[in-house]
All heavy atoms as atom14 arrays in JSON, in Angstrom:
{
  "sequence": "PRVLGIECVGTVAASTDATLPVGQTVAVVMGEMGR",
  "atom14_mask": [
    [1, 1, 1, 1, 1, 1, 1, 0, 0, 0, 0, 0, 0, 0],
    [1, 1, 1, 1, 1, 1, 1, 1, 1, 1, 1, 0, 0, 0],
    [1, 1, 1, 1, 1, 1, 1, 0, 0, 0, 0, 0, 0, 0],
    [1, 1, 1, 1, 1, 1, 1, 1, 0, 0, 0, 0, 0, 0],
    [1, 1, 1, 1, 0, 0, 0, 0, 0, 0, 0, 0, 0, 0],
    [1, 1, 1, 1, 1, 1, 1, 1, 0, 0, 0, 0, 0, 0],
    [1, 1, 1, 1, 1, 1, 1, 1, 1, 0, 0, 0, 0, 0],
    [1, 1, 1, 1, 1, 1, 0, 0, 0, 0, 0, 0, 0, 0],
    [1, 1, 1, 1, 1, 1, 1, 0, 0, 0, 0, 0, 0, 0],
    [1, 1, 1, 1, 0, 0, 0, 0, 0, 0, 0, 0, 0, 0],
    [1, 1, 1, 1, 1, 1, 1, 0, 0, 0, 0, 0, 0, 0],
    [1, 1, 1, 1, 1, 1, 1, 0, 0, 0, 0, 0, 0, 0],
    [1, 1, 1, 1, 1, 0, 0, 0, 0, 0, 0, 0, 0, 0],
    [1, 1, 1, 1, 1, 0, 0, 0, 0, 0, 0, 0, 0, 0],
    [1, 1, 1, 1, 1, 1, 0, 0, 0, 0, 0, 0, 0, 0],
    [1, 1, 1, 1, 1, 1, 1, 0, 0, 0, 0, 0, 0, 0],
    [1, 1, 1, 1, 1, 1, 1, 1, 0, 0, 0, 0, 0, 0],
    [1, 1, 1, 1, 1, 0, 0, 0, 0, 0, 0, 0, 0, 0],
    [1, 1, 1, 1, 1, 1, 1, 0, 0, 0, 0, 0, 0, 0],
    [1, 1, 1, 1, 1, 1, 1, 1, 0, 0, 0, 0, 0, 0],
    [1, 1, 1, 1, 1, 1, 1, 0, 0, 0, 0, 0, 0, 0],
    [1, 1, 1, 1, 1, 1, 1, 0, 0, 0, 0, 0, 0, 0],
    [1, 1, 1, 1, 0, 0, 0, 0, 0, 0, 0, 0, 0, 0],
    [1, 1, 1, 1, 1, 1, 1, 1, 1, 0, 0, 0, 0, 0],
    [1, 1, 1, 1, 1, 1, 1, 0, 0, 0, 0, 0, 0, 0],
    [1, 1, 1, 1, 1, 1, 1, 0, 0, 0, 0, 0, 0, 0],
    [1, 1, 1, 1, 1, 0, 0, 0, 0, 0, 0, 0, 0, 0],
    [1, 1, 1, 1, 1, 1, 1, 0, 0, 0, 0, 0, 0, 0],
    [1, 1, 1, 1, 1, 1, 1, 0, 0, 0, 0, 0, 0, 0],
    [1, 1, 1, 1, 1, 1, 1, 1, 0, 0, 0, 0, 0, 0],
    [1, 1, 1, 1, 0, 0, 0, 0, 0, 0, 0, 0, 0, 0],
    [1, 1, 1, 1, 1, 1, 1, 1, 1, 0, 0, 0, 0, 0],
    [1, 1, 1, 1, 1, 1, 1, 1, 0, 0, 0, 0, 0, 0],
    [1, 1, 1, 1, 0, 0, 0, 0, 0, 0, 0, 0, 0, 0],
    [1, 1, 1, 1, 1, 1, 1, 1, 1, 1, 1, 0, 0, 0]
  ],
  "atom14_positions": [
    [[8.43, 124.78, 112.55], [8.28, 124.73, 114.0], [9.57, 125.09, 114.73], [10.67, 124.87, 114.21], [7.88, 123.27, 114.26], [8.5, 122.51, 113.13], [8.42, 123.42, 111.95], [0.0, 0.0, 0.0], [0.0, 0.0, 0.0], [0.0, 0.0, 0.0], [0.0, 0.0, 0.0], [0.0, 0.0, 0.0], [0.0, 0.0, 0.0], [0.0, 0.0, 0.0]],
    [[9.42, 125.63, 115.95], [10.56, 126.05, 116.76], [10.22, 125.9, 118.24], [9.1, 126.2, 118.65], [10.91, 127.52, 116.46], [11.97, 128.15, 117.36], [13.32, 127.48, 117.17], [13.88, 127.8, 115.86], [14.68, 126.98, 115.2], [14.98, 125.79, 115.7], [15.18, 127.32, 114.01], [0.0, 0.0, 0.0], [0.0, 0.0, 0.0], [0.0, 0.0, 0.0]],
    [[11.17, 125.41, 119.02], [11.06, 125.43, 120.47], [11.49, 126.82, 120.92], [12.65, 127.21, 120.74], [11.94, 124.35, 121.13], [11.87, 124.47, 122.66], [11.5, 122.96, 120.7], [0.0, 0.0, 0.0], [0.0, 0.0, 0.0], [0.0, 0.0, 0.0], [0.0, 0.0, 0.0], [0.0, 0.0, 0.0], [0.0, 0.0, 0.0], [0.0, 0.0, 0.0]],
    [[10.55, 127.58, 121.48], [10.84, 128.94, 121.9], [11.59, 128.95, 123.23], [11.84, 127.91, 123.84], [9.54, 129.74, 122.02], [8.64, 129.81, 120.79], [7.42, 130.68, 121.07], [9.4, 130.33, 119.58], [0.0, 0.0, 0.0], [0.0, 0.0, 0.0], [0.0, 0.0, 0.0], [0.0, 0.0, 0.0], [0.0, 0.0, 0.0], [0.0, 0.0, 0.0]],
    [[11.91, 130.15, 123.68], [12.56, 130.32, 124.98], [13.93, 130.95, 124.85], [14.88, 130.28, 124.45], [0.0, 0.0, 0.0], [0.0, 0.0, 0.0], [0.0, 0.0, 0.0], [0.0, 0.0, 0.0], [0.0, 0.0, 0.0], [0.0, 0.0, 0.0], [0.0, 0.0, 0.0], [0.0, 0.0, 0.0], [0.0, 0.0, 0.0], [0.0, 0.0, 0.0]],
    [[14.04, 132.25, 125.22], [15.31, 132.96, 125.07], [16.19, 132.83, 126.31], [17.26, 133.44, 126.37], [15.08, 134.45, 124.76], [14.37, 135.16, 125.93], [14.3, 134.61, 123.46], [14.35, 136.68, 125.8], [0.0, 0.0, 0.0], [0.0, 0.0, 0.0], [0.0, 0.0, 0.0], [0.0, 0.0, 0.0], [0.0, 0.0, 0.0], [0.0, 0.0, 0.0]],
    [[15.76, 132.05, 127.31], [16.57, 131.87, 128.51], [16.21, 130.54, 129.17], [15.12, 130.0, 128.98], [16.36, 133.0, 129.49], [14.95, 133.06, 130.08], [14.8, 134.08, 131.19], [15.73, 134.18, 132.04], [13.76, 134.77, 131.23], [0.0, 0.0, 0.0], [0.0, 0.0, 0.0], [0.0, 0.0, 0.0], [0.0, 0.0, 0.0], [0.0, 0.0, 0.0]],
    [[17.14, 130.04, 129.96], [16.86, 128.89, 130.82], [17.96, 128.76, 131.85], [19.03, 129.36, 131.74], [16.72, 127.59, 130.01], [18.27, 126.96, 129.32], [0.0, 0.0, 0.0], [0.0, 0.0, 0.0], [0.0, 0.0, 0.0], [0.0, 0.0, 0.0], [0.0, 0.0, 0.0], [0.0, 0.0, 0.0], [0.0, 0.0, 0.0], [0.0, 0.0, 0.0]],
    [[17.68, 127.97, 132.88], [18.7, 127.55, 133.85], [18.64, 126.04, 133.94], [17.61, 125.42, 133.67], [18.48, 128.18, 135.24], [18.62, 129.69, 135.17], [17.11, 127.8, 135.81], [0.0, 0.0, 0.0], [0.0, 0.0, 0.0], [0.0, 0.0, 0.0], [0.0, 0.0, 0.0], [0.0, 0.0, 0.0], [0.0, 0.0, 0.0], [0.0, 0.0, 0.0]],
    [[19.77, 125.43, 134.3], [19.8, 123.98, 134.42], [21.19, 123.48, 134.72], [22.02, 124.22, 135.29], [0.0, 0.0, 0.0], [0.0, 0.0, 0.0], [0.0, 0.0, 0.0], [0.0, 0.0, 0.0], [0.0, 0.0, 0.0], [0.0, 0.0, 0.0], [0.0, 0.0, 0.0], [0.0, 0.0, 0.0], [0.0, 0.0, 0.0], [0.0, 0.0, 0.0]],
    [[21.43, 122.25, 134.35], [22.73, 121.64, 134.59], [23.29, 121.06, 133.29], [22.53, 120.64, 132.42], [22.64, 120.52, 135.65], [21.68, 119.54, 135.22], [22.22, 121.08, 137.0], [0.0, 0.0, 0.0], [0.0, 0.0, 0.0], [0.0, 0.0, 0.0], [0.0, 0.0, 0.0], [0.0, 0.0, 0.0], [0.0, 0.0, 0.0], [0.0, 0.0, 0.0]],
    [[24.6, 121.04, 133.2], [25.25, 120.49, 132.01], [25.07, 118.98, 131.99], [25.42, 118.28, 132.94], [26.74, 120.86, 131.99], [27.45, 120.16, 130.82], [26.92, 122.37, 131.9], [0.0, 0.0, 0.0], [0.0, 0.0, 0.0], [0.0, 0.0, 0.0], [0.0, 0.0, 0.0], [0.0, 0.0, 0.0], [0.0, 0.0, 0.0], [0.0, 0.0, 0.0]],
    [[24.5, 118.46, 130.9], [24.33, 117.01, 130.74], [25.47, 116.41, 129.92], [25.85, 115.26, 130.14], [22.99, 116.71, 130.07], [0.0, 0.0, 0.0], [0.0, 0.0, 0.0], [0.0, 0.0, 0.0], [0.0, 0.0, 0.0], [0.0, 0.0, 0.0], [0.0, 0.0, 0.0], [0.0, 0.0, 0.0], [0.0, 0.0, 0.0], [0.0, 0.0, 0.0]],
    [[26.01, 117.18, 128.99], [27.16, 116.76, 128.18], [27.71, 118.01, 127.51], [26.96, 118.93, 127.18], [26.74, 115.73, 127.13], [0.0, 0.0, 0.0], [0.0, 0.0, 0.0], [0.0, 0.0, 0.0], [0.0, 0.0, 0.0], [0.0, 0.0, 0.0], [0.0, 0.0, 0.0], [0.0, 0.0, 0.0], [0.0, 0.0, 0.0], [0.0, 0.0, 0.0]],
    [[29.04, 118.04, 127.32], [29.64, 119.22, 126.73], [30.91, 118.88, 125.97], [31.6, 117.91, 126.29], [29.96, 120.25, 127.82], [30.55, 121.41, 127.27], [0.0, 0.0, 0.0], [0.0, 0.0, 0.0], [0.0, 0.0, 0.0], [0.0, 0.0, 0.0], [0.0, 0.0, 0.0], [0.0, 0.0, 0.0], [0.0, 0.0, 0.0], [0.0, 0.0, 0.0]],
    [[31.21, 119.72, 124.98], [32.48, 119.62, 124.26], [33.51, 120.6, 124.85], [34.62, 120.7, 124.33], [32.28, 119.93, 122.77], [31.69, 121.24, 122.64], [31.37, 118.9, 122.13], [0.0, 0.0, 0.0], [0.0, 0.0, 0.0], [0.0, 0.0, 0.0], [0.0, 0.0, 0.0], [0.0, 0.0, 0.0], [0.0, 0.0, 0.0], [0.0, 0.0, 0.0]],
    [[33.13, 121.31, 125.9], [34.01, 122.26, 126.57], [34.48, 121.65, 127.89], [33.67, 121.4, 128.78], [33.27, 123.58, 126.82], [34.16, 124.68, 127.38], [35.22, 124.36, 127.95], [33.78, 125.86, 127.27], [0.0, 0.0, 0.0], [0.0, 0.0, 0.0], [0.0, 0.0, 0.0], [0.0, 0.0, 0.0], [0.0, 0.0, 0.0], [0.0, 0.0, 0.0]],
    [[35.79, 121.46, 128.03], [36.34, 120.82, 129.23], [36.12, 121.65, 130.48], [36.19, 121.13, 131.61], [37.84, 120.58, 129.04], [0.0, 0.0, 0.0], [0.0, 0.0, 0.0], [0.0, 0.0, 0.0], [0.0, 0.0, 0.0], [0.0, 0.0, 0.0], [0.0, 0.0, 0.0], [0.0, 0.0, 0.0], [0.0, 0.0, 0.0], [0.0, 0.0, 0.0]],
    [[35.85, 122.94, 130.33], [35.61, 123.79, 131.5], [34.15, 123.74, 131.96], [33.79, 124.42, 132.94], [35.98, 125.25, 131.18], [35.08, 125.78, 130.22], [37.42, 125.35, 130.67], [0.0, 0.0, 0.0], [0.0, 0.0, 0.0], [0.0, 0.0, 0.0], [0.0, 0.0, 0.0], [0.0, 0.0, 0.0], [0.0, 0.0, 0.0], [0.0, 0.0, 0.0]],
    [[33.34, 122.96, 131.28], [31.93, 122.82, 131.64], [31.64, 121.37, 132.03], [31.15, 120.58, 131.22], [31.03, 123.25, 130.48], [31.08, 124.73, 130.09], [30.34, 124.95, 128.77], [30.47, 125.6, 131.18], [0.0, 0.0, 0.0], [0.0, 0.0, 0.0], [0.0, 0.0, 0.0], [0.0, 0.0, 0.0], [0.0, 0.0, 0.0], [0.0, 0.0, 0.0]],
    [[31.96, 120.98, 133.26], [31.77, 119.59, 133.66], [30.3, 119.2, 133.76], [29.43, 120.06, 133.98], [32.45, 119.53, 135.03], [32.35, 120.92, 135.56], [32.49, 121.81, 134.35], [0.0, 0.0, 0.0], [0.0, 0.0, 0.0], [0.0, 0.0, 0.0], [0.0, 0.0, 0.0], [0.0, 0.0, 0.0], [0.0, 0.0, 0.0], [0.0, 0.0, 0.0]],
    [[30.03, 117.94, 133.61], [28.67, 117.43, 133.78], [28.21, 117.75, 135.2], [28.94, 117.56, 136.18], [28.63, 115.91, 133.53], [27.26, 115.34, 133.91], [28.93, 115.61, 132.08], [0.0, 0.0, 0.0], [0.0, 0.0, 0.0], [0.0, 0.0, 0.0], [0.0, 0.0, 0.0], [0.0, 0.0, 0.0], [0.0, 0.0, 0.0], [0.0, 0.0, 0.0]],
    [[27.0, 118.26, 135.3], [26.44, 118.64, 136.6], [26.6, 120.1, 136.96], [25.98, 120.58, 137.91], [0.0, 0.0, 0.0], [0.0, 0.0, 0.0], [0.0, 0.0, 0.0], [0.0, 0.0, 0.0], [0.0, 0.0, 0.0], [0.0, 0.0, 0.0], [0.0, 0.0, 0.0], [0.0, 0.0, 0.0], [0.0, 0.0, 0.0], [0.0, 0.0, 0.0]],
    [[27.43, 120.82, 136.2], [27.63, 122.25, 136.48], [26.33, 123.02, 136.27], [25.64, 122.87, 135.27], [28.71, 122.81, 135.54], [28.84, 124.33, 135.55], [29.38, 124.86, 136.85], [30.45, 124.44, 137.3], [28.65, 125.78, 137.47], [0.0, 0.0, 0.0], [0.0, 0.0, 0.0], [0.0, 0.0, 0.0], [0.0, 0.0, 0.0], [0.0, 0.0, 0.0]],
    [[25.96, 123.84, 137.26], [24.79, 124.7, 137.12], [25.11, 125.84, 136.17], [26.16, 126.49, 136.29], [24.36, 125.25, 138.48], [24.03, 124.17, 139.35], [23.15, 126.16, 138.34], [0.0, 0.0, 0.0], [0.0, 0.0, 0.0], [0.0, 0.0, 0.0], [0.0, 0.0, 0.0], [0.0, 0.0, 0.0], [0.0, 0.0, 0.0], [0.0, 0.0, 0.0]],
    [[24.21, 126.09, 135.24], [24.43, 127.15, 134.24], [23.14, 127.93, 134.02], [22.04, 127.45, 134.29], [24.92, 126.57, 132.89], [26.32, 125.97, 133.01], [23.93, 125.54, 132.34], [0.0, 0.0, 0.0], [0.0, 0.0, 0.0], [0.0, 0.0, 0.0], [0.0, 0.0, 0.0], [0.0, 0.0, 0.0], [0.0, 0.0, 0.0], [0.0, 0.0, 0.0]],
    [[23.33, 129.14, 133.53], [22.23, 129.95, 133.02], [22.57, 130.36, 131.61], [23.75, 130.5, 131.25], [22.01, 131.18, 133.91], [0.0, 0.0, 0.0], [0.0, 0.0, 0.0], [0.0, 0.0, 0.0], [0.0, 0.0, 0.0], [0.0, 0.0, 0.0], [0.0, 0.0, 0.0], [0.0, 0.0, 0.0], [0.0, 0.0, 0.0], [0.0, 0.0, 0.0]],
    [[21.55, 130.56, 130.79], [21.75, 130.92, 129.39], [20.7, 131.95, 129.01], [19.52, 131.8, 129.35], [21.62, 129.69, 128.46], [22.13, 130.03, 127.07], [22.36, 128.49, 129.02], [0.0, 0.0, 0.0], [0.0, 0.0, 0.0], [0.0, 0.0, 0.0], [0.0, 0.0, 0.0], [0.0, 0.0, 0.0], [0.0, 0.0, 0.0], [0.0, 0.0, 0.0]],
    [[21.15, 133.0, 128.3], [20.21, 133.99, 127.77], [20.62, 134.39, 126.36], [21.8, 134.4, 126.0], [20.14, 135.27, 128.64], [19.64, 134.96, 130.04], [21.49, 135.97, 128.71], [0.0, 0.0, 0.0], [0.0, 0.0, 0.0], [0.0, 0.0, 0.0], [0.0, 0.0, 0.0], [0.0, 0.0, 0.0], [0.0, 0.0, 0.0], [0.0, 0.0, 0.0]],
    [[19.64, 134.7, 125.55], [19.8, 135.38, 124.26], [20.69, 134.61, 123.27], [20.67, 133.39, 123.23], [20.3, 136.8, 124.49], [19.33, 137.66, 125.32], [17.68, 137.82, 124.59], [18.04, 138.85, 123.17], [0.0, 0.0, 0.0], [0.0, 0.0, 0.0], [0.0, 0.0, 0.0], [0.0, 0.0, 0.0], [0.0, 0.0, 0.0], [0.0, 0.0, 0.0]],
    [[21.43, 135.37, 122.45], [22.27, 134.76, 121.43], [21.49, 133.98, 120.38], [21.96, 132.96, 119.88], [0.0, 0.0, 0.0], [0.0, 0.0, 0.0], [0.0, 0.0, 0.0], [0.0, 0.0, 0.0], [0.0, 0.0, 0.0], [0.0, 0.0, 0.0], [0.0, 0.0, 0.0], [0.0, 0.0, 0.0], [0.0, 0.0, 0.0], [0.0, 0.0, 0.0]],
    [[20.28, 134.44, 120.07], [19.38, 133.79, 119.09], [18.8, 132.47, 119.59], [18.23, 131.7, 118.82], [20.06, 133.59, 117.74], [20.38, 134.9, 117.04], [19.15, 135.78, 116.83], [18.12, 135.25, 116.41], [19.23, 136.99, 117.11], [0.0, 0.0, 0.0], [0.0, 0.0, 0.0], [0.0, 0.0, 0.0], [0.0, 0.0, 0.0], [0.0, 0.0, 0.0]],
    [[18.94, 132.23, 120.9], [18.3, 131.06, 121.51], [16.77, 131.18, 121.36], [16.19, 132.24, 121.57], [18.69, 131.03, 122.99], [18.07, 129.93, 123.81], [18.63, 130.12, 125.53], [17.68, 128.82, 126.31], [0.0, 0.0, 0.0], [0.0, 0.0, 0.0], [0.0, 0.0, 0.0], [0.0, 0.0, 0.0], [0.0, 0.0, 0.0], [0.0, 0.0, 0.0]],
    [[16.13, 130.09, 120.95], [14.69, 130.1, 120.75], [14.26, 130.81, 119.48], [13.05, 131.01, 119.25], [0.0, 0.0, 0.0], [0.0, 0.0, 0.0], [0.0, 0.0, 0.0], [0.0, 0.0, 0.0], [0.0, 0.0, 0.0], [0.0, 0.0, 0.0], [0.0, 0.0, 0.0], [0.0, 0.0, 0.0], [0.0, 0.0, 0.0], [0.0, 0.0, 0.0]],
    [[15.25, 131.18, 118.65], [14.94, 131.88, 117.42], [15.66, 131.21, 116.24], [15.04, 130.6, 115.4], [15.34, 133.36, 117.54], [14.54, 134.09, 118.62], [15.15, 135.45, 118.95], [15.09, 136.33, 117.79], [14.05, 137.06, 117.45], [12.95, 137.02, 118.18], [14.08, 137.85, 116.38], [0.0, 0.0, 0.0], [0.0, 0.0, 0.0], [0.0, 0.0, 0.0]]
  ]
}
């Protein structure tokens, strides 16, 4: 089983990157996402 979806938009809930604060609006595409 796999959760599909090669893109999404939303907000950062938690991150290991200090430049991505919680609440930051982000978009994500591709990079084997959903695959």
